[in-house]
Every structure is written in structure tokens, then in C-alpha cells.
Amino acid sequence: MEIKQIPLSKYQREIMKEFYGIKPTKVVAKNKESSYAQTYANMFELTLVKDFYKATNLISESIRNLLSSLYIFPEYVYSSTVKQKLLIPIEHYKSVDFILMNANDFSIHTIKFKNPSSKEKADEYIDNFRNTKKYSDLFCTEDKNGYLVMLPINQVVLWAKKNFQLSLDYNEVKSYYQQLF
């Protein structure tokens, strides 16, 4: 199966278009998964809100109630100044690291951040993501030059097969997805 045979959801298409419309950004600290979220936040001009539950002027009660109903109790979030996007850490889900939430319509999309291991073979990589793709919408990692890249989670396996491991190049990935927009 080729990548072109797997369609993108409307949301995946929109966020990929937005992501690759931004200037490529080097990962804040190389090979550290926690720095991928910070890099993503920097790209989208999201600022850190340290005390989620005390930031009532930034985070609406409706959003706090929605997250609580999903058993999501973050200590911090990244938020845009116009409060349209929130990047929220999820610590108790194995296959999801963050959710990206639209503060206007409460839509939630999941992101998995993963450090690419040069020692991990494609088959091992595929096995590791069989369950993840059921729960995450998007996948972020760094390319071979240290730039943050994003893939639809349902296409990660095919990129790994294509390269025999996940050794991505930002420009190659961007070029491919821009053809779809």
C-alpha cells in the first residue's frame, strides 16, 4: 500500500497545511521528546500557562469542565494569545502525549511525539505504533536535520517502510503533503 492510497481526514489535512505553512523550526533540544511539544508551541506562537486551574482569565470554565469530564487534569497548557488553540499534556495515556484543542468549538485532536531512534528497524517501529494509531490523530518527530516534522498517524507506518526506518527529511515530507493541499 502506498501513502497516496490512505486519505487524510479533513482535520489532518487542515492541520498539516497549517503546519507546513510555517517556517521550518529546529527542535529546541535534540532527541528529547519533551522538547517537541515546546517546539510545536513555538511554531504556533503558543505561550506557556503554568497553573492551568488558576488561569481563569485564559482558560474558560467550559474548557476546564470538559477536560475534567475526560479525566484530563493538566498542570500546565500552551495557549495562543487569542485563545483559539490549546496544547495540553496528557500524562496518563500511553499512546497520546498531547491534545490540541480549539477553544472556540471544543474540538480535540491527539498528538503523539516520538524520538526517532536510528537503531529502531521499520518492523519494530511498526509494531510499536499498531495501537497508537487507534488513538492519535497526528505524529510529530524530528527529521534527520533536527527539524520538527508532522505526519498523519495513519501514514507513519508507510513512511517507515519507505525509508526502512523513520529517517525523515522535512523538505521531502513538506513537498509530499503540499501536493495534496
N, C-alpha and C. Protein backbone atom coordinates (compact mmCIF):
# COMPACT_ATOMS: atom_id res chain seq x y z
N MET A 1 0.84 -1.18 0.00
CA MET A 1 0.00 0.00 0.00
C MET A 1 0.89 1.25 0.00
N GLU A 2 0.52 2.23 -0.78
CA GLU A 2 1.28 3.47 -0.85
C GLU A 2 0.61 4.55 -0.02
N ILE A 3 1.37 5.56 0.33
CA ILE A 3 0.87 6.67 1.13
C ILE A 3 -0.34 7.31 0.46
N LYS A 4 -0.29 7.49 -0.85
CA LYS A 4 -1.37 8.16 -1.58
C LYS A 4 -2.70 7.42 -1.44
N GLN A 5 -2.66 6.13 -1.13
CA GLN A 5 -3.88 5.34 -1.03
C GLN A 5 -4.59 5.54 0.30
N ILE A 6 -3.95 6.17 1.27
CA ILE A 6 -4.57 6.40 2.57
C ILE A 6 -5.00 7.86 2.64
N PRO A 7 -6.29 8.12 2.62
CA PRO A 7 -6.75 9.51 2.63
C PRO A 7 -6.55 10.17 3.99
N LEU A 8 -6.45 11.50 3.96
CA LEU A 8 -6.36 12.27 5.19
C LEU A 8 -7.76 12.69 5.60
N SER A 9 -8.00 12.74 6.90
CA SER A 9 -9.26 13.29 7.37
C SER A 9 -9.25 14.80 7.11
N LYS A 10 -10.39 15.42 7.17
CA LYS A 10 -10.47 16.87 6.96
C LYS A 10 -9.55 17.59 7.95
N TYR A 11 -9.60 17.16 9.21
CA TYR A 11 -8.76 17.80 10.23
C TYR A 11 -7.28 17.58 9.93
N GLN A 12 -6.89 16.36 9.61
CA GLN A 12 -5.49 16.09 9.31
C GLN A 12 -5.01 16.98 8.17
N ARG A 13 -5.82 17.11 7.14
CA ARG A 13 -5.46 17.94 6.00
C ARG A 13 -5.28 19.40 6.44
N GLU A 14 -6.20 19.92 7.26
CA GLU A 14 -6.14 21.31 7.70
C GLU A 14 -4.90 21.58 8.56
N ILE A 15 -4.65 20.71 9.52
CA ILE A 15 -3.52 20.96 10.43
C ILE A 15 -2.19 20.74 9.72
N MET A 16 -2.14 19.77 8.81
CA MET A 16 -0.91 19.56 8.04
C MET A 16 -0.62 20.77 7.16
N LYS A 17 -1.65 21.32 6.54
CA LYS A 17 -1.48 22.50 5.70
C LYS A 17 -0.98 23.68 6.54
N GLU A 18 -1.56 23.84 7.71
CA GLU A 18 -1.13 24.93 8.60
C GLU A 18 0.30 24.70 9.08
N PHE A 19 0.60 23.48 9.49
CA PHE A 19 1.93 23.14 10.00
C PHE A 19 3.01 23.41 8.95
N TYR A 20 2.80 22.94 7.73
CA TYR A 20 3.80 23.10 6.69
C TYR A 20 3.77 24.47 6.03
N GLY A 21 2.83 25.32 6.44
CA GLY A 21 2.81 26.71 6.01
C GLY A 21 3.67 27.61 6.88
N ILE A 22 4.14 27.06 7.98
CA ILE A 22 5.00 27.78 8.92
C ILE A 22 6.46 27.49 8.58
N LYS A 23 7.31 28.44 8.82
CA LYS A 23 8.75 28.26 8.58
C LYS A 23 9.26 27.03 9.35
N PRO A 24 10.08 26.19 8.72
CA PRO A 24 10.63 25.02 9.42
C PRO A 24 11.33 25.46 10.70
N THR A 25 11.15 24.66 11.74
CA THR A 25 11.70 25.01 13.05
C THR A 25 12.53 23.86 13.59
N LYS A 26 13.74 24.19 14.02
CA LYS A 26 14.59 23.17 14.65
C LYS A 26 14.05 22.84 16.04
N VAL A 27 14.16 21.59 16.40
CA VAL A 27 13.73 21.13 17.71
C VAL A 27 14.58 21.82 18.78
N VAL A 28 13.93 22.26 19.85
CA VAL A 28 14.58 23.02 20.90
C VAL A 28 15.78 22.27 21.48
N ALA A 29 15.59 21.02 21.87
CA ALA A 29 16.68 20.19 22.40
C ALA A 29 16.65 18.87 21.65
N LYS A 30 17.69 18.59 20.92
CA LYS A 30 17.73 17.43 20.03
C LYS A 30 17.50 16.12 20.78
N ASN A 31 16.70 15.25 20.16
CA ASN A 31 16.41 13.90 20.65
C ASN A 31 15.74 13.85 22.01
N LYS A 32 14.95 14.86 22.35
CA LYS A 32 14.21 14.84 23.60
C LYS A 32 12.74 15.06 23.29
N GLU A 33 11.92 14.04 23.58
CA GLU A 33 10.51 14.11 23.25
C GLU A 33 9.82 15.31 23.90
N SER A 34 10.17 15.65 25.10
CA SER A 34 9.53 16.78 25.79
C SER A 34 9.77 18.09 25.06
N SER A 35 10.87 18.18 24.34
CA SER A 35 11.15 19.43 23.63
C SER A 35 10.36 19.55 22.33
N TYR A 36 9.78 18.44 21.85
CA TYR A 36 8.96 18.51 20.64
C TYR A 36 7.72 19.35 20.87
N ALA A 37 7.10 19.18 22.03
CA ALA A 37 5.91 19.98 22.36
C ALA A 37 6.27 21.46 22.46
N GLN A 38 7.40 21.75 23.06
CA GLN A 38 7.84 23.15 23.17
C GLN A 38 8.11 23.73 21.79
N THR A 39 8.72 22.96 20.92
CA THR A 39 8.98 23.41 19.56
C THR A 39 7.67 23.65 18.82
N TYR A 40 6.74 22.72 18.96
CA TYR A 40 5.42 22.86 18.33
C TYR A 40 4.74 24.14 18.84
N ALA A 41 4.78 24.35 20.14
CA ALA A 41 4.19 25.56 20.74
C ALA A 41 4.84 26.82 20.18
N ASN A 42 6.15 26.80 20.04
CA ASN A 42 6.86 27.95 19.48
C ASN A 42 6.41 28.22 18.04
N MET A 43 6.25 27.17 17.26
CA MET A 43 5.85 27.33 15.87
C MET A 43 4.49 28.02 15.75
N PHE A 44 3.57 27.65 16.63
CA PHE A 44 2.22 28.18 16.57
C PHE A 44 2.00 29.36 17.52
N GLU A 45 3.11 29.88 18.05
CA GLU A 45 3.08 31.04 18.94
C GLU A 45 2.16 30.82 20.14
N LEU A 46 2.28 29.65 20.73
CA LEU A 46 1.54 29.32 21.95
C LEU A 46 2.45 29.61 23.14
N THR A 47 1.91 30.22 24.16
CA THR A 47 2.71 30.54 25.34
C THR A 47 2.32 29.61 26.49
N LEU A 48 3.27 29.40 27.36
CA LEU A 48 3.07 28.50 28.49
C LEU A 48 2.18 29.15 29.55
N VAL A 49 1.17 28.43 29.97
CA VAL A 49 0.33 28.83 31.10
C VAL A 49 0.63 27.82 32.19
N LYS A 50 1.35 28.26 33.22
CA LYS A 50 1.86 27.30 34.21
C LYS A 50 0.80 26.70 35.12
N ASP A 51 -0.08 27.49 35.65
CA ASP A 51 -1.07 26.95 36.57
C ASP A 51 -2.43 26.94 35.90
N PHE A 52 -2.74 25.83 35.30
CA PHE A 52 -3.94 25.68 34.50
C PHE A 52 -5.21 26.07 35.26
N TYR A 53 -5.34 25.62 36.49
CA TYR A 53 -6.59 25.83 37.21
C TYR A 53 -6.74 27.23 37.80
N LYS A 54 -5.67 27.96 37.92
CA LYS A 54 -5.75 29.34 38.41
C LYS A 54 -5.84 30.36 37.29
N ALA A 55 -5.62 29.92 36.06
CA ALA A 55 -5.61 30.83 34.92
C ALA A 55 -7.02 31.02 34.37
N THR A 56 -7.94 31.44 35.21
CA THR A 56 -9.34 31.57 34.81
C THR A 56 -9.55 32.65 33.75
N ASN A 57 -8.66 33.61 33.68
CA ASN A 57 -8.79 34.63 32.64
C ASN A 57 -8.35 34.13 31.27
N LEU A 58 -7.58 33.05 31.23
CA LEU A 58 -7.09 32.48 29.97
C LEU A 58 -7.83 31.21 29.56
N ILE A 59 -8.24 30.42 30.55
CA ILE A 59 -8.87 29.13 30.28
C ILE A 59 -10.30 29.19 30.82
N SER A 60 -11.26 29.06 29.92
CA SER A 60 -12.66 29.18 30.35
C SER A 60 -13.08 28.02 31.24
N GLU A 61 -14.11 28.27 32.00
CA GLU A 61 -14.65 27.23 32.87
C GLU A 61 -15.18 26.06 32.04
N SER A 62 -15.75 26.36 30.88
CA SER A 62 -16.25 25.30 30.00
C SER A 62 -15.13 24.35 29.57
N ILE A 63 -13.98 24.91 29.24
CA ILE A 63 -12.84 24.08 28.84
C ILE A 63 -12.36 23.25 30.02
N ARG A 64 -12.24 23.87 31.17
CA ARG A 64 -11.80 23.12 32.37
C ARG A 64 -12.78 21.99 32.69
N ASN A 65 -14.07 22.26 32.56
CA ASN A 65 -15.09 21.23 32.83
C ASN A 65 -15.03 20.10 31.81
N LEU A 66 -14.84 20.46 30.54
CA LEU A 66 -14.74 19.43 29.50
C LEU A 66 -13.54 18.52 29.77
N LEU A 67 -12.40 19.11 30.04
CA LEU A 67 -11.20 18.30 30.30
C LEU A 67 -11.38 17.42 31.54
N SER A 68 -11.98 17.96 32.57
CA SER A 68 -12.23 17.17 33.78
C SER A 68 -13.14 15.98 33.48
N SER A 69 -14.13 16.20 32.61
CA SER A 69 -15.04 15.10 32.26
C SER A 69 -14.32 13.98 31.51
N LEU A 70 -13.18 14.33 30.88
CA LEU A 70 -12.37 13.35 30.17
C LEU A 70 -11.23 12.81 31.03
N TYR A 71 -11.24 13.18 32.31
CA TYR A 71 -10.20 12.80 33.27
C TYR A 71 -8.83 13.32 32.85
N ILE A 72 -8.82 14.53 32.35
CA ILE A 72 -7.59 15.20 31.97
C ILE A 72 -7.40 16.36 32.93
N PHE A 73 -6.32 16.30 33.72
CA PHE A 73 -6.07 17.30 34.75
C PHE A 73 -4.65 17.85 34.60
N PRO A 74 -4.44 18.70 33.60
CA PRO A 74 -3.08 19.19 33.34
C PRO A 74 -2.63 20.22 34.38
N GLU A 75 -1.34 20.23 34.62
CA GLU A 75 -0.77 21.27 35.48
C GLU A 75 -0.51 22.53 34.67
N TYR A 76 -0.25 22.35 33.38
CA TYR A 76 0.05 23.49 32.52
C TYR A 76 -0.52 23.23 31.13
N VAL A 77 -0.62 24.27 30.34
CA VAL A 77 -1.02 24.17 28.94
C VAL A 77 -0.23 25.21 28.16
N TYR A 78 -0.22 25.06 26.86
CA TYR A 78 0.26 26.10 25.97
C TYR A 78 -0.98 26.71 25.33
N SER A 79 -1.04 28.03 25.28
CA SER A 79 -2.23 28.70 24.78
C SER A 79 -1.84 29.84 23.84
N SER A 80 -2.69 30.08 22.84
CA SER A 80 -2.45 31.22 21.96
C SER A 80 -3.00 32.48 22.62
N THR A 81 -2.45 33.61 22.23
CA THR A 81 -2.88 34.87 22.85
C THR A 81 -4.33 35.18 22.51
N VAL A 82 -4.80 34.70 21.40
CA VAL A 82 -6.20 34.92 21.04
C VAL A 82 -7.09 33.78 21.54
N LYS A 83 -6.50 32.86 22.29
CA LYS A 83 -7.21 31.77 22.94
C LYS A 83 -7.99 30.85 22.00
N GLN A 84 -7.47 30.68 20.82
CA GLN A 84 -8.14 29.75 19.90
C GLN A 84 -7.58 28.34 19.98
N LYS A 85 -6.30 28.22 20.32
CA LYS A 85 -5.67 26.91 20.38
C LYS A 85 -5.08 26.67 21.75
N LEU A 86 -5.22 25.44 22.18
CA LEU A 86 -4.57 25.00 23.42
C LEU A 86 -3.83 23.70 23.12
N LEU A 87 -2.61 23.59 23.58
CA LEU A 87 -1.83 22.37 23.50
C LEU A 87 -1.71 21.86 24.93
N ILE A 88 -2.30 20.70 25.20
CA ILE A 88 -2.48 20.24 26.57
C ILE A 88 -1.81 18.88 26.75
N PRO A 89 -0.93 18.76 27.77
CA PRO A 89 -0.27 17.47 28.00
C PRO A 89 -1.24 16.44 28.58
N ILE A 90 -1.07 15.21 28.14
CA ILE A 90 -1.86 14.09 28.64
C ILE A 90 -0.87 13.09 29.21
N GLU A 91 -0.84 12.97 30.50
CA GLU A 91 0.21 12.15 31.11
C GLU A 91 -0.20 10.72 31.39
N HIS A 92 -1.48 10.42 31.42
CA HIS A 92 -1.87 9.07 31.79
C HIS A 92 -2.34 8.22 30.62
N TYR A 93 -2.11 8.68 29.40
CA TYR A 93 -2.42 7.89 28.22
C TYR A 93 -1.10 7.48 27.56
N LYS A 94 -0.92 6.20 27.35
CA LYS A 94 0.34 5.71 26.79
C LYS A 94 0.53 6.11 25.33
N SER A 95 -0.56 6.14 24.56
CA SER A 95 -0.41 6.36 23.13
C SER A 95 -0.70 7.80 22.69
N VAL A 96 -0.95 8.70 23.62
CA VAL A 96 -1.20 10.11 23.31
C VAL A 96 -0.37 10.95 24.27
N ASP A 97 0.34 11.93 23.73
CA ASP A 97 1.15 12.80 24.58
C ASP A 97 0.48 14.14 24.86
N PHE A 98 -0.17 14.69 23.84
CA PHE A 98 -0.81 16.00 23.97
C PHE A 98 -2.11 15.98 23.18
N ILE A 99 -3.01 16.87 23.58
CA ILE A 99 -4.16 17.13 22.75
C ILE A 99 -4.06 18.57 22.27
N LEU A 100 -4.52 18.78 21.07
CA LEU A 100 -4.62 20.12 20.50
C LEU A 100 -6.11 20.42 20.48
N MET A 101 -6.48 21.49 21.17
CA MET A 101 -7.89 21.81 21.32
C MET A 101 -8.20 23.17 20.73
N ASN A 102 -9.30 23.25 20.01
CA ASN A 102 -9.80 24.52 19.52
C ASN A 102 -10.72 25.05 20.62
N ALA A 103 -10.37 26.19 21.19
CA ALA A 103 -11.11 26.75 22.31
C ALA A 103 -12.47 27.30 21.90
N ASN A 104 -12.69 27.50 20.61
CA ASN A 104 -13.97 28.03 20.14
C ASN A 104 -15.04 26.96 19.98
N ASP A 105 -14.64 25.82 19.39
CA ASP A 105 -15.64 24.77 19.15
C ASP A 105 -15.39 23.50 19.97
N PHE A 106 -14.36 23.52 20.81
CA PHE A 106 -14.01 22.42 21.72
C PHE A 106 -13.57 21.15 21.00
N SER A 107 -13.22 21.25 19.73
CA SER A 107 -12.73 20.06 19.04
C SER A 107 -11.36 19.68 19.61
N ILE A 108 -11.15 18.39 19.74
CA ILE A 108 -9.92 17.86 20.35
C ILE A 108 -9.29 16.89 19.36
N HIS A 109 -7.98 17.06 19.17
CA HIS A 109 -7.22 16.17 18.31
C HIS A 109 -5.95 15.76 19.05
N THR A 110 -5.56 14.55 18.89
CA THR A 110 -4.48 13.99 19.67
C THR A 110 -3.17 13.96 18.89
N ILE A 111 -2.08 14.14 19.64
CA ILE A 111 -0.74 14.17 19.04
C ILE A 111 0.18 13.23 19.82
N LYS A 112 0.94 12.46 19.09
CA LYS A 112 1.99 11.62 19.67
C LYS A 112 3.33 12.22 19.26
N PHE A 113 4.19 12.50 20.22
CA PHE A 113 5.54 12.97 19.96
C PHE A 113 6.47 11.78 20.19
N LYS A 114 7.38 11.56 19.27
CA LYS A 114 8.27 10.39 19.37
C LYS A 114 9.66 10.74 18.92
N ASN A 115 10.63 10.34 19.70
CA ASN A 115 12.03 10.50 19.35
C ASN A 115 12.40 9.40 18.36
N PRO A 116 12.87 9.77 17.17
CA PRO A 116 13.24 8.73 16.21
C PRO A 116 14.53 8.05 16.64
N SER A 117 14.49 6.75 16.70
CA SER A 117 15.67 6.01 17.09
C SER A 117 16.35 5.43 15.86
N SER A 118 17.59 5.79 15.67
CA SER A 118 18.30 5.30 14.49
C SER A 118 18.51 3.79 14.55
N LYS A 119 18.38 3.20 15.74
CA LYS A 119 18.58 1.76 15.88
C LYS A 119 17.29 0.98 15.69
N GLU A 120 16.17 1.67 15.68
CA GLU A 120 14.89 1.00 15.58
C GLU A 120 14.60 0.66 14.12
N LYS A 121 14.40 -0.60 13.84
CA LYS A 121 14.10 -1.04 12.48
C LYS A 121 12.64 -0.77 12.16
N ALA A 122 12.32 -0.71 10.90
CA ALA A 122 10.96 -0.40 10.46
C ALA A 122 9.94 -1.36 11.08
N ASP A 123 10.23 -2.67 11.10
CA ASP A 123 9.28 -3.63 11.64
C ASP A 123 9.02 -3.38 13.12
N GLU A 124 10.07 -3.07 13.88
CA GLU A 124 9.89 -2.77 15.30
C GLU A 124 9.08 -1.50 15.46
N TYR A 125 9.37 -0.54 14.63
CA TYR A 125 8.67 0.73 14.67
C TYR A 125 7.18 0.53 14.39
N ILE A 126 6.89 -0.26 13.39
CA ILE A 126 5.50 -0.56 13.03
C ILE A 126 4.79 -1.24 14.18
N ASP A 127 5.43 -2.23 14.80
CA ASP A 127 4.83 -2.91 15.95
C ASP A 127 4.52 -1.93 17.07
N ASN A 128 5.42 -0.98 17.32
CA ASN A 128 5.22 -0.01 18.39
C ASN A 128 4.03 0.90 18.13
N PHE A 129 3.66 1.10 16.88
CA PHE A 129 2.59 2.04 16.56
C PHE A 129 1.27 1.41 16.13
N ARG A 130 1.17 0.10 16.22
CA ARG A 130 -0.10 -0.54 15.87
C ARG A 130 -1.23 -0.02 16.76
N ASN A 131 -0.99 0.11 18.04
CA ASN A 131 -2.02 0.60 18.96
C ASN A 131 -2.12 2.11 18.95
N THR A 132 -1.01 2.81 18.79
CA THR A 132 -1.01 4.27 18.84
C THR A 132 -1.92 4.86 17.78
N LYS A 133 -1.91 4.32 16.58
CA LYS A 133 -2.69 4.93 15.51
C LYS A 133 -4.19 4.85 15.78
N LYS A 134 -4.60 4.00 16.70
CA LYS A 134 -6.01 3.92 17.06
C LYS A 134 -6.44 5.12 17.90
N TYR A 135 -5.49 5.77 18.54
CA TYR A 135 -5.84 6.81 19.49
C TYR A 135 -5.31 8.20 19.12
N SER A 136 -4.29 8.29 18.35
CA SER A 136 -3.70 9.58 17.99
C SER A 136 -4.07 9.95 16.56
N ASP A 137 -4.21 11.25 16.34
CA ASP A 137 -4.50 11.76 15.01
C ASP A 137 -3.23 12.12 14.26
N LEU A 138 -2.28 12.67 15.01
CA LEU A 138 -1.06 13.22 14.41
C LEU A 138 0.17 12.70 15.12
N PHE A 139 1.28 12.75 14.42
CA PHE A 139 2.54 12.24 14.93
C PHE A 139 3.62 13.27 14.62
N CYS A 140 4.38 13.66 15.63
CA CYS A 140 5.49 14.61 15.44
C CYS A 140 6.79 13.98 15.91
N THR A 141 7.82 14.24 15.15
CA THR A 141 9.16 13.80 15.49
C THR A 141 10.14 14.77 14.85
N GLU A 142 11.42 14.50 14.99
CA GLU A 142 12.39 15.36 14.32
C GLU A 142 12.97 14.63 13.12
N ASP A 143 13.30 15.41 12.11
CA ASP A 143 13.89 14.80 10.93
C ASP A 143 15.39 14.62 11.14
N LYS A 144 16.06 14.12 10.13
CA LYS A 144 17.50 13.82 10.25
C LYS A 144 18.35 15.08 10.42
N ASN A 145 17.77 16.26 10.15
CA ASN A 145 18.49 17.53 10.33
C ASN A 145 18.06 18.30 11.58
N GLY A 146 17.19 17.69 12.38
CA GLY A 146 16.76 18.32 13.63
C GLY A 146 15.53 19.19 13.54
N TYR A 147 14.81 19.17 12.40
CA TYR A 147 13.59 19.95 12.25
C TYR A 147 12.38 19.13 12.68
N LEU A 148 11.41 19.80 13.29
CA LEU A 148 10.18 19.11 13.68
C LEU A 148 9.37 18.81 12.43
N VAL A 149 8.91 17.57 12.31
CA VAL A 149 8.04 17.16 11.20
C VAL A 149 6.76 16.58 11.78
N MET A 150 5.70 16.66 10.98
CA MET A 150 4.41 16.12 11.39
C MET A 150 3.90 15.19 10.30
N LEU A 151 3.34 14.07 10.74
CA LEU A 151 2.73 13.11 9.83
C LEU A 151 1.34 12.75 10.37
N PRO A 152 0.42 12.41 9.49
CA PRO A 152 -0.83 11.82 9.96
C PRO A 152 -0.48 10.46 10.58
N ILE A 153 -1.05 10.14 11.71
CA ILE A 153 -0.66 8.91 12.41
C ILE A 153 -0.90 7.67 11.55
N ASN A 154 -1.93 7.70 10.70
CA ASN A 154 -2.23 6.53 9.87
C ASN A 154 -1.26 6.37 8.71
N GLN A 155 -0.29 7.28 8.56
CA GLN A 155 0.70 7.15 7.49
C GLN A 155 2.12 6.95 8.02
N VAL A 156 2.30 6.93 9.32
CA VAL A 156 3.64 6.76 9.90
C VAL A 156 4.26 5.43 9.46
N VAL A 157 3.48 4.38 9.49
CA VAL A 157 3.99 3.06 9.13
C VAL A 157 4.51 3.05 7.69
N LEU A 158 3.79 3.72 6.81
CA LEU A 158 4.22 3.73 5.40
C LEU A 158 5.48 4.55 5.19
N TRP A 159 5.64 5.63 5.93
CA TRP A 159 6.90 6.39 5.84
C TRP A 159 8.04 5.54 6.38
N ALA A 160 7.79 4.78 7.43
CA ALA A 160 8.83 3.91 7.98
C ALA A 160 9.21 2.83 6.97
N LYS A 161 8.23 2.24 6.31
CA LYS A 161 8.52 1.22 5.31
C LYS A 161 9.29 1.82 4.14
N LYS A 162 8.90 3.01 3.75
CA LYS A 162 9.55 3.66 2.61
C LYS A 162 11.03 3.88 2.88
N ASN A 163 11.36 4.24 4.10
CA ASN A 163 12.74 4.57 4.44
C ASN A 163 13.45 3.46 5.20
N PHE A 164 12.79 2.33 5.41
CA PHE A 164 13.32 1.20 6.18
C PHE A 164 13.58 1.55 7.64
N GLN A 165 13.42 2.77 7.98
CA GLN A 165 13.40 3.26 9.34
C GLN A 165 12.83 4.66 9.21
N LEU A 166 12.56 5.30 10.31
CA LEU A 166 11.94 6.62 10.21
C LEU A 166 13.03 7.68 10.20
N SER A 167 13.70 7.80 9.07
CA SER A 167 14.73 8.82 8.86
C SER A 167 14.17 9.81 7.86
N LEU A 168 13.43 10.79 8.39
CA LEU A 168 12.69 11.72 7.54
C LEU A 168 13.50 12.95 7.18
N ASP A 169 13.09 13.59 6.10
CA ASP A 169 13.64 14.88 5.71
C ASP A 169 12.47 15.85 5.62
N TYR A 170 12.53 16.95 6.38
CA TYR A 170 11.45 17.93 6.45
C TYR A 170 10.98 18.34 5.06
N ASN A 171 11.91 18.72 4.19
CA ASN A 171 11.54 19.21 2.86
C ASN A 171 10.83 18.15 2.02
N GLU A 172 11.26 16.89 2.15
CA GLU A 172 10.60 15.81 1.42
C GLU A 172 9.17 15.61 1.91
N VAL A 173 9.00 15.62 3.22
CA VAL A 173 7.67 15.43 3.79
C VAL A 173 6.77 16.62 3.43
N LYS A 174 7.28 17.83 3.58
CA LYS A 174 6.51 19.04 3.24
C LYS A 174 6.11 19.01 1.77
N SER A 175 7.02 18.70 0.90
CA SER A 175 6.75 18.67 -0.54
C SER A 175 5.65 17.66 -0.86
N TYR A 176 5.73 16.50 -0.23
CA TYR A 176 4.71 15.48 -0.49
C TYR A 176 3.32 15.98 -0.08
N TYR A 177 3.20 16.50 1.13
CA TYR A 177 1.89 16.90 1.62
C TYR A 177 1.36 18.16 0.95
N GLN A 178 2.23 19.05 0.51
CA GLN A 178 1.76 20.23 -0.19
C GLN A 178 1.10 19.87 -1.51
N GLN A 179 1.47 18.76 -2.11
CA GLN A 179 0.83 18.31 -3.34
C GLN A 179 -0.64 17.96 -3.09
N LEU A 180 -0.95 17.58 -1.85
CA LEU A 180 -2.32 17.17 -1.52
C LEU A 180 -3.22 18.35 -1.19
N PHE A 181 -2.64 19.50 -0.91
CA PHE A 181 -3.45 20.64 -0.47
C PHE A 181 -3.99 21.38 -1.64
